[in-house]
Structures are given as C-alpha cells and as structure tokens.
Amino acid sequence: MSALVAPGGGRRTRTHAESLLRIGTAGWSIDRRYAEEFSSPGSHLERYARRLNAVEINSSFRRQHQPKTYERWANSVPEDFRFSVKLPQAITHDRALSGCEELFKSFVDETAGLGAKLAIWLVQLPPKLAFDPKAFDRFFDLVDGCNGAMVAIEPRHATWFTAEVEGRLVERRIARVAADPAKVAGAGQPGGWDGLAYFRWHGSPRMYYSDYEREALSSLGRRLEHARQLGASTWCIFDNTAAGAALGNALSLS
C-alpha cells in the first residue's frame, strides 16, 4: 500500500502522543567542548542518544537520504528516542507547498525507515511565503493522507498569525512552532493544535550562533514544563549550532 494512503482513507487522526518533555538539537554533532559528556563508544548519534531523547534532522532540508540511512539512524538509538524531520526545501521553499505531490511522496517513502521513532514532520516556511488558503488546503490534504508523524509548522510571514489561520491549524491538528528570536508578532508562542508544543530556539541575539544564558534557559524551562503539564507533547530543539552552543544549552535543560 502506498505510504500516501491512510487505512480507511480520509483525514488521519493525530492524538496527544505523550506528555514527556523532549529536548535536543538540530543535528547531532558533538562539539569538542562537550566531548567528555559523550565519552562512551559508538557513532556520534549513538553517543548523543544516550544523553538526549530527541533530535531534529535538518540535513533532509537540502538533500535526500536513502531509506536505509533512516533505518540505520533508527537502529542507532534507544526505543524511546524520537526524531523530528525537516521537510525538503524543494517542497517548502522552491514549490511553496504547491504542485509537490511526487516530492512529498518521495519524502514520505524515505523517512518511513525511521518507523515508530519518527515523531514529527517539521514544515519551516520561507519568510516571504504569505498564507494562501488554497495552497494550504491542497498541501495538507496531501499530508492528511499519510500515516504517522505529527506536524509542526514554522511560518515566518505575518499573514499566518491570524485567527483564521489559527482555526485552520487547530482543525488540521497542526502545531505552530514557538520560535526564538520571534521575527513576527506572536511567533514566540506555540499556536495551532494544542496536542504538540514545539519550541525552536535559533540563538539570540545572533541567530544560529548566540549561546543562551542561564536566566534565559531557566525561563524557557518553565515554559516547557507548563506546556507539558497542560498535556502537550512538548519538544525543545536548539538550532544555535553554528558555534556549537546548541548542545550545551540542551544539556542544561535535559
């Protein structure tokens, strides 16, 4: 059966998967500053997964991976470890969510190698992409025909932050990412479906580089715990990887 067909057809049901807090980074590189924290043998991913319980695969944004690669990654981590996978830029940026059925089918087939350890598809949109209700419905009709992962969307255009769009996200059971720094009013708060709270901390004030100070991490930790207590599957991904700060920040909260 095609990966694009849900059992019985129609819109798939996404449920609150867990109330567990998951903390990780974008990718699993181990900066030498933290090498002693990951001194056990194995690949970088195996060592990473012994300390953290989630990771965001970002390399999928720019290039394809074979199903056997995803299978190998899934086999490298404990049973309770989970992956978030970023959708390819060919879908989100080049095609702007339109006319990408074959591209999305290929992506679904590739990531199927993660099996039950695939928790989230991350849909990060380009800053210039305004909300288009027809494109939104066509694309998420396609997504709703699939089994498996929850969906988190990170829009970066002001037109996505309206009551109308919020209602559509809730109806589709799509969570809107809470991002730091927030480039648009409202972008710093989780939105959409309340079954998933997905925080992406990119580094502030310098995106992808800045290290978060203790006070900022403490504040974030309180927000994460609040979301978890409300019953959401709560994720926090540090994307400030350019100078290696992400791993230290994740360890501070884990």
Protein backbone atom coordinates (compact mmCIF):
# COMPACT_ATOMS: atom_id res chain seq x y z
CA MET A 1 0.00 0.00 0.00
CA SER A 2 1.29 3.44 -0.84
CA ALA A 3 2.64 5.49 2.05
CA LEU A 4 0.27 8.24 0.96
CA VAL A 5 -2.86 6.26 1.76
CA ALA A 6 -4.16 6.08 5.31
CA PRO A 7 -6.05 2.97 6.42
CA GLY A 8 -9.69 3.53 5.53
CA GLY A 9 -8.80 6.66 3.59
CA GLY A 10 -9.61 10.22 4.59
CA ARG A 11 -8.03 12.52 7.13
CA ARG A 12 -5.75 10.85 9.63
CA THR A 13 -6.16 11.40 13.34
CA ARG A 14 -3.32 12.89 15.34
CA THR A 15 -3.58 12.39 19.07
CA HIS A 16 -1.64 13.67 22.06
CA ALA A 17 1.28 11.28 21.77
CA GLU A 18 2.76 11.76 25.24
CA SER A 19 3.29 14.29 27.99
CA LEU A 20 7.04 13.64 28.01
CA LEU A 21 9.42 16.56 27.56
CA ARG A 22 11.81 16.03 24.66
CA ILE A 23 14.94 18.13 24.35
CA GLY A 24 17.51 18.00 21.57
CA THR A 25 19.40 19.86 18.89
CA ALA A 26 19.27 20.37 15.16
CA GLY A 27 21.59 17.56 14.11
CA TRP A 28 23.74 15.50 16.44
CA SER A 29 27.23 16.94 16.09
CA ILE A 30 29.20 16.77 19.31
CA ASP A 31 31.28 19.89 19.84
CA ARG A 32 34.67 19.18 21.42
CA ARG A 33 33.71 21.33 24.42
CA TYR A 34 31.21 18.65 25.40
CA ALA A 35 33.14 15.57 24.30
CA GLU A 36 33.59 14.36 27.87
CA GLU A 37 29.81 14.34 28.31
CA PHE A 38 29.61 11.85 25.42
CA SER A 39 32.68 9.73 26.04
CA SER A 40 31.06 6.32 25.58
CA PRO A 41 31.86 4.37 22.39
CA GLY A 42 29.78 4.45 19.24
CA SER A 43 28.84 6.83 16.45
CA HIS A 44 28.02 10.46 17.17
CA LEU A 45 24.32 9.63 17.04
CA GLU A 46 24.65 6.66 19.38
CA ARG A 47 26.59 8.75 21.87
CA TYR A 48 24.17 11.68 21.53
CA ALA A 49 21.14 9.45 22.10
CA ARG A 50 22.48 8.20 25.42
CA ARG A 51 22.14 11.70 26.87
CA LEU A 52 19.27 13.30 24.95
CA ASN A 53 15.93 11.84 23.92
CA ALA A 54 15.20 13.62 20.63
CA VAL A 55 16.85 15.17 17.61
CA GLU A 56 15.80 17.25 14.62
CA ILE A 57 17.13 16.02 11.27
CA ASN A 58 17.93 19.17 9.30
CA SER A 59 20.04 17.62 6.52
CA SER A 60 16.81 16.44 4.88
CA PHE A 61 16.09 20.07 4.03
CA ARG A 62 18.85 20.28 1.43
CA ARG A 63 19.35 16.70 0.28
CA GLN A 64 17.68 13.33 0.09
CA HIS A 65 18.65 10.36 2.23
CA GLN A 66 18.06 6.77 1.27
CA PRO A 67 15.53 4.79 3.33
CA LYS A 68 18.35 2.56 4.56
CA THR A 69 20.08 5.63 6.01
CA TYR A 70 16.99 6.48 8.04
CA GLU A 71 16.76 2.82 9.08
CA ARG A 72 20.36 2.88 10.26
CA TRP A 73 19.71 6.01 12.29
CA ALA A 74 16.62 4.46 13.85
CA ASN A 75 18.59 1.35 14.79
CA SER A 76 21.29 3.51 16.42
CA VAL A 77 19.09 4.93 19.16
CA PRO A 78 17.09 3.57 22.12
CA GLU A 79 13.45 2.53 21.68
CA ASP A 80 12.13 5.64 23.43
CA PHE A 81 14.18 8.08 21.31
CA ARG A 82 12.30 10.16 18.73
CA PHE A 83 13.14 12.06 15.52
CA SER A 84 11.75 15.23 14.00
CA VAL A 85 12.49 15.56 10.28
CA LYS A 86 12.54 18.84 8.38
CA LEU A 87 10.72 18.83 5.05
CA PRO A 88 12.85 19.44 1.95
CA GLN A 89 13.33 22.98 0.70
CA ALA A 90 12.11 21.79 -2.70
CA ILE A 91 8.66 21.47 -1.11
CA THR A 92 8.57 24.39 1.29
CA HIS A 93 10.69 27.00 -0.48
CA ASP A 94 11.02 26.14 -4.18
CA ARG A 95 7.44 24.95 -4.67
CA ALA A 96 5.88 26.96 -1.79
CA LEU A 97 3.75 23.91 -0.85
CA SER A 98 2.18 23.77 -4.35
CA GLY A 99 2.47 21.10 -7.01
CA CYS A 100 4.69 18.88 -4.90
CA GLU A 101 2.78 15.61 -4.59
CA GLU A 102 5.57 13.47 -6.04
CA LEU A 103 8.22 15.25 -4.00
CA PHE A 104 6.22 14.70 -0.83
CA LYS A 105 5.57 11.04 -1.68
CA SER A 106 9.32 10.53 -2.08
CA PHE A 107 9.94 12.22 1.26
CA VAL A 108 7.35 10.02 2.99
CA ASP A 109 8.84 6.88 1.47
CA GLU A 110 12.36 7.88 2.52
CA THR A 111 11.52 8.76 6.11
CA ALA A 112 9.47 5.60 6.59
CA GLY A 113 12.77 3.95 7.51
CA LEU A 114 12.54 5.65 10.91
CA GLY A 115 9.46 3.60 11.72
CA ALA A 116 7.77 4.39 15.03
CA LYS A 117 10.69 6.62 16.01
CA LEU A 118 9.55 9.26 13.51
CA ALA A 119 7.51 11.63 15.67
CA ILE A 120 7.29 14.93 13.79
CA TRP A 121 7.48 16.40 10.32
CA LEU A 122 8.76 19.97 10.59
CA VAL A 123 7.47 22.39 7.94
CA GLN A 124 9.59 25.55 8.04
CA LEU A 125 8.36 28.17 5.58
CA PRO A 126 10.37 30.97 3.93
CA PRO A 127 9.84 34.48 5.33
CA LYS A 128 8.32 35.68 2.04
CA LEU A 129 5.65 32.99 1.87
CA ALA A 130 2.26 34.54 2.69
CA PHE A 131 -0.68 32.41 3.71
CA ASP A 132 -2.64 31.10 0.72
CA PRO A 133 -5.75 29.17 1.79
CA LYS A 134 -5.96 27.14 -1.43
CA ALA A 135 -2.30 26.09 -1.31
CA PHE A 136 -2.65 25.35 2.41
CA ASP A 137 -5.66 23.10 1.91
CA ARG A 138 -4.20 21.26 -1.08
CA PHE A 139 -0.92 20.56 0.67
CA PHE A 140 -2.37 19.48 3.99
CA ASP A 141 -4.98 17.34 2.27
CA LEU A 142 -1.92 15.53 0.95
CA VAL A 143 -0.32 15.37 4.40
CA ASP A 144 -3.56 14.16 5.97
CA GLY A 145 -3.50 11.16 3.64
CA CYS A 146 -0.37 9.88 5.38
CA ASN A 147 0.16 7.78 8.46
CA GLY A 148 2.43 8.52 11.35
CA ALA A 149 4.02 11.73 12.36
CA MET A 150 2.62 14.83 13.97
CA VAL A 151 3.17 18.10 12.10
CA ALA A 152 4.80 21.30 13.34
CA ILE A 153 4.83 24.35 11.07
CA GLU A 154 7.12 27.37 11.41
CA PRO A 155 5.68 30.20 9.31
CA ARG A 156 7.63 33.44 9.12
CA HIS A 157 5.20 35.79 7.38
CA ALA A 158 2.71 37.91 9.32
CA THR A 159 -0.29 36.61 7.33
CA TRP A 160 0.00 33.25 9.10
CA PHE A 161 -0.68 34.81 12.51
CA THR A 162 -4.42 35.45 12.29
CA ALA A 163 -7.50 33.95 13.91
CA GLU A 164 -8.48 32.37 10.58
CA VAL A 165 -5.19 30.54 10.19
CA GLU A 166 -5.17 29.56 13.86
CA GLY A 167 -8.56 27.91 13.38
CA ARG A 168 -7.34 26.03 10.31
CA LEU A 169 -4.28 24.76 12.18
CA VAL A 170 -6.41 23.54 15.06
CA GLU A 171 -8.80 21.80 12.68
CA ARG A 172 -5.93 20.08 10.90
CA ARG A 173 -4.17 19.19 14.18
CA ILE A 174 -1.05 21.09 13.17
CA ALA A 175 1.07 22.78 15.82
CA ARG A 176 2.63 26.18 15.13
CA VAL A 177 6.24 26.43 16.28
CA ALA A 178 7.29 28.83 19.01
CA ALA A 179 10.47 30.42 17.66
CA ASP A 180 13.23 32.49 19.18
CA PRO A 181 14.01 35.07 18.06
CA ALA A 182 10.42 35.82 17.06
CA LYS A 183 10.55 37.73 13.78
CA VAL A 184 6.78 38.27 13.62
CA ALA A 185 4.38 39.23 16.42
CA GLY A 186 3.09 36.04 18.01
CA ALA A 187 5.84 33.81 16.62
CA GLY A 188 7.41 33.33 20.05
CA GLN A 189 4.36 31.46 21.37
CA PRO A 190 3.15 27.98 20.45
CA GLY A 191 -0.03 28.01 18.39
CA GLY A 192 -2.39 25.84 16.47
CA TRP A 193 -3.14 22.34 17.77
CA ASP A 194 -2.50 22.05 21.49
CA GLY A 195 -1.51 18.39 21.36
CA LEU A 196 2.05 19.42 20.45
CA ALA A 197 4.16 22.31 21.71
CA TYR A 198 7.30 22.67 19.61
CA PHE A 199 9.91 25.24 20.62
CA ARG A 200 12.76 26.08 18.18
CA TRP A 201 15.41 28.26 19.75
CA HIS A 202 17.68 29.55 16.97
CA GLY A 203 20.04 31.67 19.07
CA SER A 204 19.54 35.26 20.18
CA PRO A 205 20.58 37.96 19.55
CA ARG A 206 22.69 36.41 16.78
CA MET A 207 20.71 33.67 15.10
CA TYR A 208 22.40 30.27 14.88
CA TYR A 209 25.41 31.48 16.91
CA SER A 210 24.42 33.00 20.25
CA ASP A 211 24.62 30.93 23.42
CA TYR A 212 21.62 31.24 25.75
CA GLU A 213 22.45 32.46 29.23
CA ARG A 214 21.30 30.73 32.40
CA GLU A 215 18.42 33.11 33.05
CA ALA A 216 17.03 32.67 29.54
CA LEU A 217 17.27 28.89 29.84
CA SER A 218 15.52 28.93 33.22
CA SER A 219 12.68 30.95 31.73
CA LEU A 220 12.44 28.57 28.80
CA GLY A 221 12.45 25.59 31.15
CA ARG A 222 9.44 26.97 33.00
CA ARG A 223 7.57 27.44 29.73
CA LEU A 224 8.34 23.89 28.65
CA GLU A 225 7.15 22.44 31.93
CA HIS A 226 3.95 24.47 31.74
CA ALA A 227 3.23 23.12 28.25
CA ARG A 228 3.96 19.59 29.39
CA GLN A 229 1.66 19.90 32.40
CA LEU A 230 -1.13 21.02 30.08
CA GLY A 231 -0.81 17.65 28.36
CA ALA A 232 1.04 18.62 25.19
CA SER A 233 3.78 16.52 23.68
CA THR A 234 6.50 19.10 24.35
CA TRP A 235 9.64 19.48 22.27
CA CYS A 236 12.53 21.92 22.53
CA ILE A 237 15.10 21.99 19.75
CA PHE A 238 18.18 24.21 19.89
CA ASP A 239 19.20 25.36 16.43
CA ASN A 240 22.08 27.61 17.53
CA THR A 241 24.58 25.12 16.16
CA ALA A 242 26.93 27.34 14.14
CA ALA A 243 29.35 27.86 17.05
CA GLY A 244 28.43 24.71 18.94
CA ALA A 245 26.23 26.35 21.61
CA ALA A 246 23.17 24.16 20.99
CA LEU A 247 24.45 21.04 22.67
CA GLY A 248 25.42 22.82 25.87
CA ASN A 249 22.02 24.52 26.02
CA ALA A 250 20.21 21.23 25.53
CA LEU A 251 22.25 19.54 28.24
CA SER A 252 21.43 22.36 30.63
CA LEU A 253 17.72 21.63 30.30
CA SER A 254 17.82 17.82 30.00
